Amino acid sequence: MLGCLFLLQGAEYIYNSLSPNGKAPNFRLVPDAGAAFGTEEGIRPDTTSPAPYPINPNYLNDFRGYVLGMSAKQIDRLLVYRVSGNYLYSAREFQEVTGISDSLLAVLSPRLRFPARKRAVHKAREKVGRPNQLTDGARQGAVSLNTATAEELRIIRGIGPVLSERIVRFRNALGGFQKDTQLYDVYGLDPEVATRVLGRFHVVDPPSVEAININMATAGELAKNIYITSSVARKIVAYREQVGSIGSFDEISRLEGFPSEKIDRIKLYLSLK
């Protein structure tokens, strides 16, 4: 009996020592961390505590944008604007570019900091002079899909190391993209992601190509075209020998195994004369 009493007193002492002022400790549930990814359409951003440092919208990434309460579409608009070499100088410009609501702008404005216009222009000029930067087509409001590096392509949501390298390899095999639509031919690239890429990158500098004459080329020469397999190349040559001369691309598009849905891209690399 006496031993039980000592045990109870010891338990009470430990309990009180772990609690401030001898009171039972207070516990509270921490909100789900996923709430930080709310958007204007859903959960409001957490603005109850001040930001540890000012936020420059010119350098927002996807994650930081989500935390601030921006939607994916609004973040995309901002990144498209920035990747073309443009800078934001005010909260009003930030709203015009991204399309955020007045209410979200009012919440974020105290935390936003923008560069002085002269300083930003100077930085932009420095960037243009650096190698491996997306400068081609910037004057036209577009970024060159033919000079983008794998790392630069990864700013697109849905593009990781594997897909970015695959896009570059496909582009090199082509000798450079001739049309934006060729991006949809990259193996494993989801059409929605490809469309997102084309929202920021475009073929603004198509390279010149020496078209292959399908009435003179060998099967091996035709098969150098990334769209034409060795099997289809042999069928083209066999058909040509049968008819004497191929007069239109429609003729070869009807051959078995020919990727007729891509004839508009294939014609870029072939000629009839």
Protein backbone atom coordinates (compact mmCIF):
# COMPACT_ATOMS: atom_id res chain seq x y z
CA MET A 1 0.00 0.00 0.00
CA LEU A 2 2.76 2.38 0.94
CA GLY A 3 4.59 1.55 -2.32
CA CYS A 4 1.52 2.43 -4.35
CA LEU A 5 1.30 5.79 -2.58
CA PHE A 6 4.92 6.60 -3.48
CA LEU A 7 4.30 5.66 -7.12
CA LEU A 8 1.28 7.96 -7.32
CA GLN A 9 3.17 10.86 -5.76
CA GLY A 10 6.11 10.32 -8.13
CA ALA A 11 3.80 10.31 -11.15
CA GLU A 12 2.18 13.53 -9.99
CA TYR A 13 5.57 15.17 -9.53
CA ILE A 14 6.75 14.23 -13.04
CA TYR A 15 3.46 15.38 -14.55
CA ASN A 16 3.63 18.77 -12.79
CA SER A 17 7.30 19.28 -13.60
CA LEU A 18 6.58 18.88 -17.30
CA SER A 19 3.73 21.35 -17.18
CA PRO A 20 4.21 25.11 -16.70
CA ASN A 21 2.95 26.36 -13.34
CA GLY A 22 1.97 22.84 -12.38
CA LYS A 23 -0.90 22.83 -14.88
CA ALA A 24 -1.69 20.25 -17.45
CA PRO A 25 0.18 20.87 -20.68
CA ASN A 26 -1.77 22.43 -23.52
CA PHE A 27 -1.90 20.68 -26.88
CA ARG A 28 -3.25 21.95 -30.19
CA LEU A 29 -3.63 20.41 -33.60
CA VAL A 30 -1.40 21.83 -36.31
CA PRO A 31 -3.30 22.52 -39.52
CA ASP A 32 -2.55 20.27 -42.47
CA ALA A 33 0.62 21.44 -44.21
CA GLY A 34 -1.20 21.07 -47.51
CA ALA A 35 -3.19 24.19 -46.66
CA ALA A 36 -0.14 26.20 -47.62
CA PHE A 37 -0.86 25.30 -51.23
CA GLY A 38 -4.29 26.94 -51.30
CA THR A 39 -5.24 29.19 -54.18
CA GLU A 40 -7.73 31.96 -54.70
CA GLU A 41 -10.23 29.30 -55.68
CA GLY A 42 -9.70 27.41 -52.43
CA ILE A 43 -7.88 27.99 -49.14
CA ARG A 44 -6.71 31.51 -48.37
CA PRO A 45 -2.96 32.04 -47.98
CA ASP A 46 -1.50 32.27 -44.49
CA THR A 47 -0.92 35.95 -43.83
CA THR A 48 -1.23 35.94 -40.05
CA SER A 49 2.53 36.13 -39.52
CA PRO A 50 4.90 38.56 -41.22
CA ALA A 51 7.19 37.28 -43.96
CA PRO A 52 10.78 36.71 -42.80
CA TYR A 53 11.98 38.76 -45.74
CA PRO A 54 10.45 40.88 -48.54
CA ILE A 55 9.13 39.08 -51.61
CA ASN A 56 10.30 40.12 -55.06
CA PRO A 57 7.66 38.82 -57.53
CA ASN A 58 10.27 38.82 -60.29
CA TYR A 59 11.82 35.75 -58.72
CA LEU A 60 8.77 33.77 -57.63
CA ASN A 61 8.81 30.06 -58.41
CA ASP A 62 5.87 27.62 -58.56
CA PHE A 63 6.12 26.58 -54.91
CA ARG A 64 6.38 30.11 -53.53
CA GLY A 65 3.49 31.23 -55.72
CA TYR A 66 1.26 28.47 -54.37
CA VAL A 67 2.13 29.42 -50.81
CA LEU A 68 1.11 33.02 -51.52
CA GLY A 69 -2.27 31.79 -52.76
CA MET A 70 -1.78 32.13 -56.52
CA SER A 71 -3.34 29.66 -58.94
CA ALA A 72 -1.31 27.60 -61.40
CA LYS A 73 -2.55 29.73 -64.31
CA GLN A 74 -1.50 32.94 -62.56
CA ILE A 75 1.96 31.54 -61.86
CA ASP A 76 2.28 30.46 -65.49
CA ARG A 77 1.47 33.99 -66.68
CA LEU A 78 4.15 35.42 -64.42
CA LEU A 79 6.82 32.97 -65.56
CA VAL A 80 5.98 33.53 -69.22
CA TYR A 81 6.37 37.26 -68.67
CA ARG A 82 9.68 36.84 -66.85
CA VAL A 83 11.28 34.29 -69.17
CA SER A 84 10.90 36.79 -72.03
CA GLY A 85 13.22 39.16 -70.16
CA ASN A 86 10.55 41.47 -68.70
CA TYR A 87 10.53 42.88 -65.17
CA LEU A 88 7.75 43.92 -62.79
CA TYR A 89 8.09 47.30 -61.07
CA SER A 90 4.86 47.69 -59.12
CA ALA A 91 2.02 45.81 -57.46
CA ARG A 92 -0.34 47.05 -60.18
CA GLU A 93 1.87 45.58 -62.91
CA PHE A 94 2.03 42.36 -60.91
CA GLN A 95 -1.77 42.16 -60.93
CA GLU A 96 -2.05 43.00 -64.62
CA VAL A 97 0.41 40.28 -65.61
CA THR A 98 -0.84 37.52 -63.31
CA GLY A 99 -4.55 38.37 -63.17
CA ILE A 100 -4.81 38.00 -59.37
CA SER A 101 -7.89 39.45 -57.71
CA ASP A 102 -8.05 42.81 -55.92
CA SER A 103 -8.54 41.02 -52.60
CA LEU A 104 -5.42 38.89 -52.97
CA LEU A 105 -3.45 41.91 -54.15
CA ALA A 106 -4.50 43.81 -51.04
CA VAL A 107 -3.28 40.95 -48.84
CA LEU A 108 0.05 40.55 -50.65
CA SER A 109 0.93 44.20 -51.34
CA PRO A 110 2.55 44.90 -47.94
CA ARG A 111 4.91 41.98 -48.52
CA LEU A 112 5.91 42.78 -52.09
CA ARG A 113 9.12 44.59 -52.97
CA PHE A 114 10.04 45.68 -56.49
CA PRO A 115 13.40 46.75 -57.96
CA ALA A 116 14.09 50.27 -59.09
CA ARG A 117 13.42 50.53 -62.80
CA LYS A 118 16.96 51.60 -63.77
CA ARG A 119 18.55 48.80 -61.78
CA ALA A 120 16.24 46.21 -63.31
CA VAL A 121 16.96 47.39 -66.83
CA HIS A 122 20.68 47.17 -66.15
CA LYS A 123 20.27 43.59 -64.91
CA ALA A 124 18.24 42.66 -67.98
CA ARG A 125 20.99 43.98 -70.24
CA GLU A 126 23.59 41.98 -68.34
CA LYS A 127 21.50 38.85 -68.78
CA VAL A 128 21.26 39.31 -72.53
CA GLY A 129 25.05 39.31 -72.71
CA ARG A 130 25.44 36.04 -70.84
CA PRO A 131 25.89 32.77 -72.73
CA ASN A 132 23.27 30.00 -72.72
CA GLN A 133 20.42 32.39 -72.01
CA LEU A 134 17.11 32.41 -73.85
CA THR A 135 17.56 35.62 -75.82
CA ASP A 136 16.52 34.58 -79.35
CA GLY A 137 13.06 35.83 -80.10
CA ALA A 138 12.83 37.93 -76.96
CA ARG A 139 12.34 41.02 -79.12
CA GLN A 140 9.27 39.29 -80.57
CA GLY A 141 7.90 38.46 -77.15
CA ALA A 142 8.87 34.78 -77.51
CA VAL A 143 11.68 32.55 -76.31
CA SER A 144 13.50 30.28 -78.74
CA LEU A 145 12.61 26.63 -78.47
CA ASN A 146 15.70 25.85 -80.52
CA THR A 147 18.19 27.37 -78.09
CA ALA A 148 16.57 26.44 -74.78
CA THR A 149 18.76 24.24 -72.59
CA ALA A 150 17.44 21.23 -70.71
CA GLU A 151 17.75 23.17 -67.46
CA GLU A 152 15.75 26.09 -68.83
CA LEU A 153 12.99 23.78 -70.06
CA ARG A 154 12.58 22.46 -66.52
CA ILE A 155 10.96 25.70 -65.38
CA ILE A 156 7.79 24.26 -66.94
CA ARG A 157 5.56 22.30 -64.59
CA GLY A 158 5.61 18.68 -65.69
CA ILE A 159 9.08 18.84 -67.28
CA GLY A 160 11.73 17.02 -65.26
CA PRO A 161 15.30 15.91 -66.04
CA VAL A 162 14.23 12.97 -68.23
CA LEU A 163 11.76 14.87 -70.43
CA SER A 164 13.94 17.96 -70.75
CA GLU A 165 16.87 15.87 -71.98
CA ARG A 166 14.56 13.94 -74.32
CA ILE A 167 13.29 17.18 -75.87
CA VAL A 168 16.85 18.35 -76.50
CA ARG A 169 17.85 15.00 -78.03
CA PHE A 170 14.78 15.01 -80.28
CA ARG A 171 15.54 18.58 -81.36
CA ASN A 172 19.15 17.64 -82.17
CA ALA A 173 17.99 14.62 -84.18
CA LEU A 174 15.76 16.92 -86.22
CA GLY A 175 18.51 19.44 -86.71
CA GLY A 176 16.27 21.93 -84.96
CA PHE A 177 12.52 22.38 -84.69
CA GLN A 178 10.85 23.76 -87.80
CA LYS A 179 7.37 24.14 -86.28
CA ASP A 180 5.95 24.39 -82.77
CA THR A 181 3.78 21.33 -83.40
CA GLN A 182 6.86 19.10 -83.59
CA LEU A 183 7.12 19.31 -79.83
CA TYR A 184 4.06 17.04 -79.60
CA ASP A 185 6.09 14.32 -81.32
CA VAL A 186 8.50 13.94 -78.39
CA TYR A 187 7.99 10.48 -76.93
CA GLY A 188 6.32 10.46 -73.51
CA LEU A 189 5.56 14.18 -73.48
CA ASP A 190 1.96 14.72 -72.40
CA PRO A 191 0.09 17.01 -74.83
CA GLU A 192 -1.03 19.26 -71.98
CA VAL A 193 2.56 19.68 -70.82
CA ALA A 194 3.68 20.32 -74.41
CA THR A 195 1.04 23.04 -74.68
CA ARG A 196 2.36 24.55 -71.45
CA VAL A 197 5.89 24.56 -72.92
CA LEU A 198 4.63 26.33 -76.03
CA GLY A 199 3.12 28.99 -73.80
CA ARG A 200 6.69 30.15 -73.10
CA PHE A 201 8.89 28.76 -75.86
CA HIS A 202 8.36 29.01 -79.61
CA VAL A 203 10.17 28.22 -82.86
CA VAL A 204 11.24 31.74 -83.71
CA ASP A 205 14.41 30.77 -85.57
CA PRO A 206 13.74 27.65 -87.71
CA PRO A 207 17.01 26.31 -89.11
CA SER A 208 17.49 25.88 -92.83
CA VAL A 209 17.33 22.25 -93.96
CA GLU A 210 18.38 20.52 -97.14
CA ALA A 211 15.31 18.62 -98.24
CA ILE A 212 15.74 15.02 -99.34
CA ASN A 213 14.46 14.27 -102.85
CA ILE A 214 12.19 11.24 -102.43
CA ASN A 215 12.47 10.49 -106.14
CA MET A 216 16.26 10.18 -105.94
CA ALA A 217 17.14 9.18 -102.37
CA THR A 218 18.05 5.70 -101.25
CA ALA A 219 16.20 3.94 -98.45
CA GLY A 220 19.12 4.67 -96.13
CA GLU A 221 18.98 8.39 -96.89
CA LEU A 222 15.23 8.52 -96.33
CA ALA A 223 15.58 6.68 -93.03
CA LYS A 224 17.79 9.51 -91.74
CA ASN A 225 14.56 11.45 -91.29
CA ILE A 226 13.52 10.92 -87.68
CA TYR A 227 9.90 10.36 -88.69
CA ILE A 228 10.62 7.63 -91.25
CA THR A 229 11.60 4.12 -90.14
CA SER A 230 13.84 1.87 -92.21
CA SER A 231 10.84 -0.28 -93.07
CA VAL A 232 8.80 2.67 -94.37
CA ALA A 233 11.84 4.01 -96.25
CA ARG A 234 12.16 0.72 -98.14
CA LYS A 235 8.43 0.81 -98.98
CA ILE A 236 8.80 4.34 -100.37
CA VAL A 237 11.66 3.22 -102.63
CA ALA A 238 9.76 0.11 -103.72
CA TYR A 239 6.66 2.17 -104.54
CA ARG A 240 8.76 4.70 -106.48
CA GLU A 241 10.32 1.93 -108.56
CA GLN A 242 6.85 0.57 -109.26
CA VAL A 243 5.23 3.84 -110.41
CA GLY A 244 8.33 5.44 -111.89
CA SER A 245 8.02 8.75 -110.03
CA ILE A 246 6.23 10.03 -106.96
CA GLY A 247 4.10 13.03 -107.84
CA SER A 248 2.64 14.01 -104.43
CA PHE A 249 3.11 13.45 -100.74
CA ASP A 250 -0.40 12.00 -100.57
CA GLU A 251 0.89 8.97 -102.45
CA ILE A 252 3.45 8.02 -99.82
CA SER A 253 1.10 8.90 -96.94
CA ARG A 254 -1.09 5.97 -98.04
CA LEU A 255 1.72 3.44 -97.72
CA GLU A 256 1.34 0.88 -94.94
CA GLY A 257 3.07 2.00 -91.75
CA PHE A 258 3.59 5.57 -92.92
CA PRO A 259 2.83 8.09 -90.10
CA SER A 260 0.29 10.00 -92.21
CA GLU A 261 -0.86 12.05 -89.21
CA LYS A 262 2.58 13.68 -89.23
CA ILE A 263 2.77 14.36 -92.96
CA ASP A 264 2.75 18.12 -92.42
CA ARG A 265 5.99 17.83 -90.41
CA ILE A 266 7.57 15.19 -92.65
CA LYS A 267 7.09 17.35 -95.76
CA LEU A 268 9.40 19.92 -94.21
CA TYR A 269 12.35 17.60 -94.82
CA LEU A 270 11.41 16.09 -98.20
CA SER A 271 11.03 17.31 -101.76
CA LEU A 272 9.56 15.83 -104.92
CA LYS A 273 12.21 17.26 -107.27
